[in-house]
Amino acid sequence: MGATLNTLWRYTPLLICLAIWEILATAGPVSNQLLPDVASVGKALWSLILDGELLRQAGHSLYRAATGFVLAVVIGTTAGLLMATFRGVRLVVNPIVQMFYPMPKSALIPVMMIWFGLGDMSKIVLIFIGCLLPVVISAYNGARGVNPFLIWSARSLGASRTSTLVQVTLPAAMPEILNGIRTALAFAFILMVSSEFVIAKDGFGYLISQLGDGGAYEAMFAVILVVAAAGFTADRLRLSAVLERIYNNALNGKVFMDLGLTLYRAAAGFFIGVAVAIPLGVMMARNAGVRWFFDPLVSIGFPMPKISFLPIFILWFGIFDTSKIVMIAFSCFFPVVSATYAGTLGVDKWVIWSARSFGARESQVLREVVLPMALPQILTGIQIAVPVGLITTVVTEMLMGGPGIGGSMMAAGRFADSVGVFAGIVEIAVLGAIVVKGVERMRAYLLRWHAEARH
């Protein structure tokens, strides 16, 4: 009985949000066309369940997401550990990761469609690529941060390199690996819906798109809630032609205009999301009341496909940059707040008590003890949020059209201009590689005192 009451109390914030939603929809200033009431959404959900449509679409979507995700976890964890352990592997794999990690995976949708057709394979490969890279980088960073004395002790006792990797490095790096797997889980749902928005005739994304286009907003919200619930449950269960095109675009200024607009939107949304996420993550770890309210909200929001909210943001903020920037900030917020919360919560309590015993004030403990010790995981969250911002930027531009790399790529795709599509991919990949390299250098500088700096 006590466990049931604790569970209900823990998820009470979700019920509060539903109550606020109902009040806004029925008695507030928000029109029912923009925000249907909870009862109408519930009726639409029941109708979808009764006619079997929801279950059919769920089967297609979850199969794709699960297949790509599992493959990514197995291969990504192995690759990240090998990169941190063997210099030769790192020299070969690291440049590939730097190139592909920041590339918006949804920008590969036209390529996946050309290479693998409209069947399941194109979605599975896209989900695999998107989930692979956060797992690789988290496993790599976690293995680099392992205390070298643990490794030296194991080696001095006669352990082989393989035994040390499996029995010492892997368990010690597991917290960051699990954080990367959690992020990959969210990416699996995000890319599942994104790919089905564009290149599918079944699945959750296709259903949301069709219902939104048909004005059935109650049913659209119902499907979004189902995807959010599925993600919440999973989270709790814990080239010459291309170069020539780029060159021509650079000569006429188009490439600089597209890159500038895309970078501006990505940077604005990213910094807004990070500015809100870091303070909130720290407060969640240090204040029980804040944690009680926001922890279930973050858990349900993290794996939720953020692109599902794009039609809502367009209705609320219009079709210009505001809706794109809000969408980007919303997407970047979750990996940073999750990493900040986990890093702050994981700070050794004995260190905090020692600082207090020497007379340190709470502000000094936070500034000089908690934040420095949580910084590696916070920076990992930021490293994950950077490509998320670029991905979301390109996806919103693809779906909403207009200037920007995503809009140009989608325009090229409509006319079967594969050269134009690949030119956009190369442009965003180069931009992303530069940004990610800058973030890596920032991490190395800020953590020059940390164990991972010795690798």
Protein backbone atom coordinates (compact mmCIF):
# COMPACT_ATOMS: atom_id res chain seq x y z
CA MET A 1 0.00 0.00 0.00
CA GLY A 2 2.82 2.37 0.92
CA ALA A 3 4.63 1.67 -2.36
CA THR A 4 1.44 2.39 -4.32
CA LEU A 5 0.92 5.70 -2.51
CA ASN A 6 4.57 6.65 -3.11
CA THR A 7 4.18 5.90 -6.81
CA LEU A 8 1.01 7.98 -7.02
CA TRP A 9 2.67 10.83 -5.16
CA ARG A 10 5.71 10.67 -7.43
CA TYR A 11 3.62 11.06 -10.57
CA THR A 12 1.17 13.58 -9.18
CA PRO A 13 2.85 16.38 -11.25
CA LEU A 14 1.62 14.62 -14.39
CA LEU A 15 -1.94 14.72 -13.07
CA ILE A 16 -1.47 18.40 -12.21
CA CYS A 17 -0.39 19.08 -15.79
CA LEU A 18 -3.45 17.25 -17.11
CA ALA A 19 -5.64 19.36 -14.80
CA ILE A 20 -4.00 22.57 -16.05
CA TRP A 21 -4.47 21.37 -19.63
CA GLU A 22 -8.17 20.74 -18.99
CA ILE A 23 -8.63 24.16 -17.37
CA LEU A 24 -6.88 25.96 -20.25
CA ALA A 25 -8.89 24.06 -22.85
CA THR A 26 -12.31 24.47 -21.24
CA ALA A 27 -12.23 27.72 -19.28
CA GLY A 28 -9.02 29.44 -20.32
CA PRO A 29 -8.01 31.76 -23.15
CA VAL A 30 -6.87 28.92 -25.42
CA SER A 31 -9.23 27.89 -28.20
CA ASN A 32 -10.33 24.25 -28.41
CA GLN A 33 -9.05 24.19 -31.99
CA LEU A 34 -5.52 24.89 -30.69
CA LEU A 35 -5.74 22.77 -27.53
CA PRO A 36 -8.54 20.19 -27.33
CA ASP A 37 -9.79 19.30 -23.87
CA VAL A 38 -8.59 16.11 -22.19
CA ALA A 39 -11.98 14.40 -22.42
CA SER A 40 -12.13 14.87 -26.22
CA VAL A 41 -8.60 13.53 -26.58
CA GLY A 42 -9.54 10.53 -24.43
CA LYS A 43 -12.58 9.79 -26.60
CA ALA A 44 -10.46 10.02 -29.75
CA LEU A 45 -7.88 7.70 -28.21
CA TRP A 46 -10.58 5.15 -27.33
CA SER A 47 -11.93 5.29 -30.88
CA LEU A 48 -8.45 4.64 -32.31
CA ILE A 49 -8.04 1.67 -29.96
CA LEU A 50 -11.45 0.19 -30.79
CA ASP A 51 -10.95 0.20 -34.56
CA GLY A 52 -7.47 -1.32 -34.18
CA GLU A 53 -5.71 1.48 -36.06
CA LEU A 54 -3.54 2.52 -33.13
CA LEU A 55 -2.29 -1.00 -32.42
CA ARG A 56 -1.46 -1.60 -36.09
CA GLN A 57 0.58 1.59 -36.31
CA ALA A 58 2.24 0.89 -32.93
CA GLY A 59 3.47 -2.49 -34.15
CA HIS A 60 5.18 -0.99 -37.19
CA SER A 61 6.78 1.88 -35.24
CA LEU A 62 8.01 -0.05 -32.20
CA TYR A 63 9.54 -2.80 -34.34
CA ARG A 64 11.62 -0.22 -36.24
CA ALA A 65 12.64 1.66 -33.10
CA ALA A 66 13.58 -1.45 -31.12
CA THR A 67 15.64 -3.02 -33.92
CA GLY A 68 17.70 0.10 -34.61
CA PHE A 69 18.13 0.87 -30.92
CA VAL A 70 19.35 -2.58 -29.84
CA LEU A 71 21.88 -2.78 -32.68
CA ALA A 72 23.14 0.72 -31.82
CA VAL A 73 23.61 -0.08 -28.11
CA VAL A 74 25.60 -3.26 -28.76
CA ILE A 75 27.84 -1.85 -31.48
CA GLY A 76 28.14 1.65 -29.96
CA THR A 77 29.22 0.48 -26.50
CA THR A 78 31.83 -1.84 -27.99
CA ALA A 79 33.18 0.87 -30.30
CA GLY A 80 33.37 3.50 -27.53
CA LEU A 81 35.26 1.20 -25.16
CA LEU A 82 37.70 0.16 -27.88
CA MET A 83 38.28 3.81 -28.84
CA ALA A 84 39.23 4.67 -25.25
CA THR A 85 41.43 1.59 -24.82
CA PHE A 86 43.27 1.27 -28.11
CA ARG A 87 44.92 4.25 -29.74
CA GLY A 88 44.74 2.73 -33.22
CA VAL A 89 40.99 2.28 -32.99
CA ARG A 90 40.62 5.85 -31.72
CA LEU A 91 42.65 7.28 -34.61
CA VAL A 92 40.45 5.48 -37.14
CA VAL A 93 37.00 5.83 -35.56
CA ASN A 94 37.17 9.26 -33.87
CA PRO A 95 37.26 11.33 -37.09
CA ILE A 96 34.26 9.36 -38.39
CA VAL A 97 32.34 10.03 -35.17
CA GLN A 98 33.21 13.74 -35.30
CA MET A 99 31.93 13.96 -38.85
CA PHE A 100 28.70 12.02 -38.46
CA TYR A 101 27.72 12.80 -34.87
CA PRO A 102 26.56 16.40 -35.45
CA MET A 103 25.03 15.62 -38.83
CA PRO A 104 21.23 15.88 -38.57
CA LYS A 105 20.18 12.26 -38.98
CA SER A 106 16.82 13.34 -40.34
CA ALA A 107 18.72 15.01 -43.18
CA LEU A 108 19.59 11.47 -44.30
CA ILE A 109 15.93 10.62 -44.86
CA PRO A 110 16.05 11.34 -48.63
CA VAL A 111 19.26 9.28 -48.92
CA MET A 112 17.78 6.38 -46.93
CA MET A 113 14.74 6.50 -49.19
CA ILE A 114 16.92 6.33 -52.32
CA TRP A 115 19.18 3.57 -50.98
CA PHE A 116 16.72 1.37 -49.05
CA GLY A 117 13.32 2.29 -50.47
CA LEU A 118 10.15 3.04 -48.52
CA GLY A 119 10.15 -0.15 -46.45
CA ASP A 120 11.28 -0.78 -42.88
CA MET A 121 15.00 -0.97 -43.71
CA SER A 122 15.34 2.76 -44.41
CA LYS A 123 13.82 3.66 -41.02
CA ILE A 124 15.82 1.03 -39.11
CA VAL A 125 19.13 2.19 -40.60
CA LEU A 126 18.28 5.83 -39.83
CA ILE A 127 17.36 4.97 -36.21
CA PHE A 128 20.52 2.85 -35.88
CA ILE A 129 22.77 5.70 -37.04
CA GLY A 130 21.04 8.23 -34.81
CA CYS A 131 21.22 6.01 -31.71
CA LEU A 132 24.74 4.75 -32.36
CA LEU A 133 26.64 7.98 -31.93
CA PRO A 134 25.44 9.11 -28.46
CA VAL A 135 26.22 5.60 -27.19
CA VAL A 136 29.70 5.68 -28.74
CA ILE A 137 30.58 9.09 -27.33
CA SER A 138 29.20 8.30 -23.86
CA ALA A 139 31.08 4.98 -23.70
CA TYR A 140 34.24 6.72 -24.93
CA ASN A 141 34.00 9.58 -22.42
CA GLY A 142 33.07 7.21 -19.59
CA ALA A 143 36.01 4.89 -20.32
CA ARG A 144 38.41 7.84 -20.59
CA GLY A 145 37.29 9.09 -17.19
CA VAL A 146 38.02 5.82 -15.35
CA ASN A 147 40.51 6.26 -12.52
CA PRO A 148 43.86 5.11 -13.99
CA PHE A 149 44.87 3.64 -10.62
CA LEU A 150 42.08 1.07 -10.98
CA ILE A 151 43.44 0.01 -14.36
CA TRP A 152 47.05 -0.05 -13.17
CA SER A 153 46.07 -2.13 -10.13
CA ALA A 154 44.27 -4.67 -12.31
CA ARG A 155 47.20 -4.89 -14.73
CA SER A 156 49.70 -5.26 -11.86
CA LEU A 157 47.70 -8.25 -10.61
CA GLY A 158 48.12 -9.96 -13.99
CA ALA A 159 44.81 -9.06 -15.67
CA SER A 160 44.94 -9.03 -19.45
CA ARG A 161 43.86 -6.01 -21.47
CA THR A 162 40.61 -7.73 -22.37
CA SER A 163 39.87 -8.67 -18.75
CA THR A 164 40.67 -5.14 -17.61
CA LEU A 165 38.36 -3.74 -20.26
CA VAL A 166 35.45 -6.05 -19.34
CA GLN A 167 35.87 -6.23 -15.55
CA VAL A 168 37.23 -2.76 -14.68
CA THR A 169 36.68 -0.21 -17.43
CA LEU A 170 33.17 -1.26 -18.43
CA PRO A 171 31.68 -1.25 -14.88
CA ALA A 172 33.42 2.03 -13.99
CA ALA A 173 32.19 3.70 -17.20
CA MET A 174 28.65 2.31 -16.84
CA PRO A 175 27.01 5.52 -15.44
CA GLU A 176 27.94 7.54 -18.52
CA ILE A 177 27.17 4.61 -20.83
CA LEU A 178 23.69 4.34 -19.33
CA ASN A 179 23.19 8.07 -19.77
CA GLY A 180 24.15 7.69 -23.43
CA ILE A 181 21.79 4.72 -23.79
CA ARG A 182 18.99 6.78 -22.29
CA THR A 183 19.70 9.53 -24.80
CA ALA A 184 19.78 6.95 -27.61
CA LEU A 185 16.40 5.66 -26.46
CA ALA A 186 14.97 9.15 -26.83
CA PHE A 187 16.60 9.47 -30.27
CA ALA A 188 15.03 6.15 -31.31
CA PHE A 189 11.54 7.53 -30.72
CA ILE A 190 12.40 10.92 -32.23
CA LEU A 191 13.85 9.44 -35.42
CA MET A 192 11.08 6.85 -35.59
CA VAL A 193 8.45 9.59 -35.79
CA SER A 194 10.59 11.91 -37.97
CA SER A 195 11.20 9.22 -40.60
CA GLU A 196 7.56 8.16 -40.60
CA PHE A 197 6.52 11.79 -41.07
CA VAL A 198 8.34 11.85 -44.39
CA ILE A 199 8.83 8.37 -45.90
CA ALA A 200 6.17 6.03 -44.54
CA LYS A 201 2.63 4.93 -45.14
CA ASP A 202 2.25 3.50 -41.64
CA GLY A 203 3.50 4.10 -38.11
CA PHE A 204 2.93 6.75 -35.45
CA GLY A 205 4.59 9.55 -37.41
CA TYR A 206 2.48 8.91 -40.49
CA LEU A 207 -0.67 8.78 -38.36
CA ILE A 208 0.14 12.07 -36.58
CA SER A 209 0.84 13.77 -39.91
CA GLN A 210 -2.37 12.50 -41.51
CA LEU A 211 -4.54 13.44 -38.55
CA GLY A 212 -2.97 16.91 -38.34
CA ASP A 213 -3.45 17.52 -42.06
CA GLY A 214 -7.07 16.41 -41.77
CA GLY A 215 -7.80 18.73 -38.85
CA ALA A 216 -8.49 15.86 -36.43
CA TYR A 217 -6.56 17.54 -33.63
CA GLU A 218 -8.13 15.49 -30.82
CA ALA A 219 -6.92 12.26 -32.44
CA MET A 220 -3.54 13.86 -33.23
CA PHE A 221 -3.05 14.77 -29.56
CA ALA A 222 -4.14 11.25 -28.60
CA VAL A 223 -1.43 9.65 -30.76
CA ILE A 224 1.17 12.10 -29.41
CA LEU A 225 0.23 11.09 -25.87
CA VAL A 226 0.51 7.39 -26.79
CA VAL A 227 4.02 7.94 -28.18
CA ALA A 228 4.93 9.91 -25.06
CA ALA A 229 3.57 7.11 -22.87
CA ALA A 230 5.54 4.49 -24.81
CA GLY A 231 8.71 6.54 -24.49
CA PHE A 232 8.04 7.17 -20.79
CA THR A 233 7.59 3.45 -20.18
CA ALA A 234 10.76 2.58 -22.07
CA ASP A 235 12.70 5.30 -20.23
CA ARG A 236 11.54 4.13 -16.89
CA LEU A 237 12.42 0.50 -17.69
CA ARG A 238 15.52 2.00 -18.23
CA LEU A 239 31.43 13.48 -54.80
CA SER A 240 32.64 15.85 -57.55
CA ALA A 241 29.14 16.93 -58.47
CA VAL A 242 28.35 17.61 -54.82
CA LEU A 243 31.52 19.70 -54.40
CA GLU A 244 30.74 21.57 -57.58
CA ARG A 245 27.24 22.34 -56.33
CA ILE A 246 28.64 23.58 -53.00
CA TYR A 247 31.20 25.69 -54.88
CA ASN A 248 28.49 27.24 -57.08
CA ASN A 249 26.30 27.88 -54.05
CA ALA A 250 29.24 29.56 -52.35
CA LEU A 251 29.87 31.78 -55.38
CA ASN A 252 26.29 33.06 -55.50
CA GLY A 253 26.10 33.41 -51.72
CA LYS A 254 23.34 30.85 -51.23
CA VAL A 255 25.41 28.48 -49.12
CA PHE A 256 26.39 31.29 -46.72
CA MET A 257 22.80 32.48 -46.41
CA ASP A 258 21.53 28.94 -45.72
CA LEU A 259 24.34 28.16 -43.27
CA GLY A 260 23.90 31.50 -41.52
CA LEU A 261 20.17 31.06 -41.01
CA THR A 262 20.53 27.45 -39.88
CA LEU A 263 23.36 28.30 -37.48
CA TYR A 264 21.47 31.30 -36.06
CA ARG A 265 18.36 29.23 -35.33
CA ALA A 266 20.36 26.34 -33.89
CA ALA A 267 22.49 28.59 -31.68
CA ALA A 268 19.54 30.63 -30.39
CA GLY A 269 17.51 27.55 -29.49
CA PHE A 270 20.53 25.72 -28.05
CA PHE A 271 21.57 28.53 -25.69
CA ILE A 272 18.01 29.09 -24.50
CA GLY A 273 17.59 25.37 -23.79
CA VAL A 274 20.95 25.09 -21.97
CA ALA A 275 20.36 28.29 -19.96
CA VAL A 276 17.14 26.80 -18.57
CA ALA A 277 18.31 23.17 -18.28
CA ILE A 278 21.49 23.54 -16.17
CA PRO A 279 19.96 25.55 -13.28
CA LEU A 280 16.89 23.30 -13.27
CA GLY A 281 19.01 20.11 -13.25
CA VAL A 282 21.02 21.40 -10.27
CA MET A 283 17.87 22.39 -8.40
CA MET A 284 16.30 18.99 -9.09
CA ALA A 285 19.30 17.25 -7.52
CA ARG A 286 19.51 19.54 -4.48
CA ASN A 287 15.86 20.29 -3.72
CA ALA A 288 13.37 17.50 -3.02
CA GLY A 289 10.35 19.63 -3.91
CA VAL A 290 11.75 20.65 -7.28
CA ARG A 291 12.76 17.05 -7.96
CA TRP A 292 9.30 15.76 -7.01
CA PHE A 293 7.62 18.05 -9.51
CA PHE A 294 10.04 18.02 -12.46
CA ASP A 295 11.50 14.49 -12.42
CA PRO A 296 8.39 12.78 -13.89
CA LEU A 297 7.95 15.64 -16.36
CA VAL A 298 11.53 15.27 -17.61
CA SER A 299 11.16 11.49 -17.77
CA ILE A 300 8.04 11.70 -19.90
CA GLY A 301 9.37 14.54 -22.04
CA PHE A 302 12.86 13.17 -22.74
CA PRO A 303 11.87 10.21 -24.98
CA MET A 304 8.88 12.02 -26.43
CA PRO A 305 9.48 12.82 -30.12
CA LYS A 306 9.83 16.59 -29.94
CA ILE A 307 9.03 16.94 -33.63
CA SER A 308 5.47 15.89 -32.78
CA PHE A 309 5.02 19.33 -31.21
CA LEU A 310 5.95 21.18 -34.39
CA PRO A 311 2.34 21.52 -35.62
CA ILE A 312 1.40 22.91 -32.20
CA PHE A 313 4.28 25.39 -32.14
CA ILE A 314 3.35 26.53 -35.65
CA LEU A 315 -0.21 27.14 -34.49
CA TRP A 316 0.98 29.03 -31.43
CA PHE A 317 3.99 30.97 -32.78
CA GLY A 318 3.44 31.11 -36.55
CA ILE A 319 5.56 29.83 -39.41
CA PHE A 320 8.57 32.08 -38.87
CA ASP A 321 11.75 31.73 -36.80
CA THR A 322 10.10 31.90 -33.37
CA SER A 323 8.45 28.48 -33.75
CA LYS A 324 11.72 26.96 -35.02
CA ILE A 325 13.77 28.40 -32.15
CA VAL A 326 11.24 27.25 -29.54
CA MET A 327 11.29 23.78 -31.11
CA ILE A 328 15.12 23.69 -30.96
CA ALA A 329 15.25 24.94 -27.36
CA PHE A 330 12.66 22.32 -26.37
CA SER A 331 14.75 19.55 -27.98
CA CYS A 332 18.09 20.69 -26.49
CA PHE A 333 16.67 21.11 -22.99
CA PHE A 334 16.17 17.44 -22.11
CA PRO A 335 19.66 15.89 -22.63
CA VAL A 336 21.25 18.79 -20.71
CA VAL A 337 18.81 18.77 -17.77
CA SER A 338 19.07 14.97 -17.53
CA ALA A 339 22.88 14.99 -17.55
CA THR A 340 23.06 17.91 -15.09
CA TYR A 341 20.65 16.20 -12.71
CA ALA A 342 22.53 12.87 -12.88
CA GLY A 343 25.93 14.53 -12.49
CA THR A 344 24.88 16.71 -9.54
CA LEU A 345 23.07 13.85 -7.83
CA GLY A 346 26.15 11.63 -8.22
CA VAL A 347 28.53 13.98 -6.38
CA ASP A 348 30.10 12.18 -3.40
CA LYS A 349 28.21 13.25 -0.27
CA TRP A 350 31.36 12.90 1.86
CA VAL A 351 33.06 15.59 -0.20
CA ILE A 352 30.09 17.93 0.35
CA TRP A 353 30.02 17.21 4.09
CA SER A 354 33.79 17.79 4.28
CA ALA A 355 33.44 21.19 2.61
CA ARG A 356 30.64 22.15 5.01
CA SER A 357 32.69 21.01 8.01
CA PHE A 358 35.38 23.51 6.98
CA GLY A 359 32.80 26.30 7.12
CA ALA A 360 31.95 26.58 3.40
CA ARG A 361 28.66 28.30 2.66
CA GLU A 362 26.06 26.58 0.46
CA SER A 363 26.89 28.88 -2.45
CA GLN A 364 30.57 27.99 -2.10
CA VAL A 365 29.77 24.27 -1.92
CA LEU A 366 27.73 24.57 -5.09
CA ARG A 367 30.26 26.68 -6.96
CA GLU A 368 33.51 25.05 -5.81
CA VAL A 369 32.53 21.44 -5.13
CA VAL A 370 29.27 20.32 -6.73
CA LEU A 371 29.49 21.99 -10.14
CA PRO A 372 33.17 21.05 -10.81
CA MET A 373 32.50 17.40 -9.88
CA ALA A 374 29.32 17.30 -11.97
CA LEU A 375 30.96 19.10 -14.89
CA PRO A 376 32.00 15.98 -16.90
CA GLN A 377 28.41 14.75 -17.16
CA ILE A 378 27.06 18.25 -17.77
CA LEU A 379 29.48 18.64 -20.67
CA THR A 380 28.45 15.23 -22.01
CA GLY A 381 24.85 16.47 -22.00
CA ILE A 382 25.95 19.61 -23.85
CA GLN A 383 27.87 17.49 -26.37
CA ILE A 384 24.69 15.54 -27.00
CA ALA A 385 22.54 18.69 -27.17
CA VAL A 386 24.72 20.34 -29.85
CA PRO A 387 23.88 17.82 -32.61
CA VAL A 388 20.31 17.63 -31.31
CA GLY A 389 20.04 21.37 -31.96
CA LEU A 390 21.40 20.99 -35.49
CA ILE A 391 19.19 17.98 -36.18
CA THR A 392 16.06 19.75 -34.97
CA THR A 393 16.95 22.87 -36.94
CA VAL A 394 17.28 20.99 -40.20
CA VAL A 395 14.14 18.92 -39.58
CA THR A 396 12.02 21.99 -38.85
CA GLU A 397 13.40 23.69 -41.95
CA MET A 398 12.63 20.58 -44.03
CA LEU A 399 9.05 20.40 -42.76
CA MET A 400 8.31 24.14 -42.79
CA GLY A 401 10.23 25.06 -45.94
CA GLY A 402 11.81 28.40 -46.70
CA PRO A 403 15.49 29.42 -46.57
CA GLY A 404 17.98 27.34 -44.63
CA ILE A 405 19.83 24.11 -45.29
CA GLY A 406 16.84 21.89 -44.47
CA GLY A 407 14.49 23.84 -46.71
CA SER A 408 16.98 23.77 -49.59
CA MET A 409 17.52 20.03 -49.19
CA MET A 410 13.79 19.29 -49.19
CA ALA A 411 13.30 21.51 -52.24
CA ALA A 412 16.06 19.58 -54.02
CA GLY A 413 14.52 16.26 -52.95
CA ARG A 414 11.11 17.18 -54.41
CA PHE A 415 12.74 17.56 -57.82
CA ALA A 416 14.80 14.36 -57.42
CA ASP A 417 17.96 16.51 -57.31
CA SER A 418 20.21 14.06 -55.45
CA VAL A 419 23.24 16.31 -56.00
CA GLY A 420 21.48 19.14 -54.19
CA VAL A 421 20.51 16.81 -51.33
CA PHE A 422 24.07 15.54 -50.93
CA ALA A 423 25.42 19.10 -51.13
CA GLY A 424 23.22 20.04 -48.18
CA ILE A 425 24.36 16.97 -46.25
CA VAL A 426 28.03 17.86 -46.81
CA GLU A 427 27.45 21.48 -45.80
CA ILE A 428 25.74 20.58 -42.53
CA ALA A 429 28.26 17.80 -41.83
CA VAL A 430 31.18 20.22 -42.20
CA LEU A 431 29.42 22.83 -40.05
CA GLY A 432 28.58 20.21 -37.44
CA ALA A 433 32.12 18.78 -37.39
CA ILE A 434 33.53 22.26 -36.74
CA VAL A 435 31.04 22.91 -33.94
CA VAL A 436 31.61 19.49 -32.32
CA LYS A 437 35.40 19.94 -32.50
CA GLY A 438 34.99 23.28 -30.76
CA VAL A 439 32.87 21.67 -28.02
CA GLU A 440 35.47 18.90 -27.63
CA ARG A 441 38.23 21.49 -27.20
CA MET A 442 36.09 23.34 -24.68
CA ARG A 443 35.59 20.09 -22.77
CA ALA A 444 39.31 19.33 -22.81
CA TYR A 445 40.10 22.82 -21.51
CA LEU A 446 37.48 22.78 -18.75
CA LEU A 447 38.43 19.25 -17.67
CA ARG A 448 42.20 19.61 -17.92
CA TRP A 449 42.32 18.68 -14.21
CA HIS A 450 40.18 15.55 -14.70
CA ALA A 451 41.32 11.94 -15.14
CA GLU A 452 40.12 11.85 -18.77
CA ALA A 453 42.68 14.57 -19.65
CA ARG A 454 45.44 11.98 -19.17
CA HIS A 455 44.20 9.91 -22.13
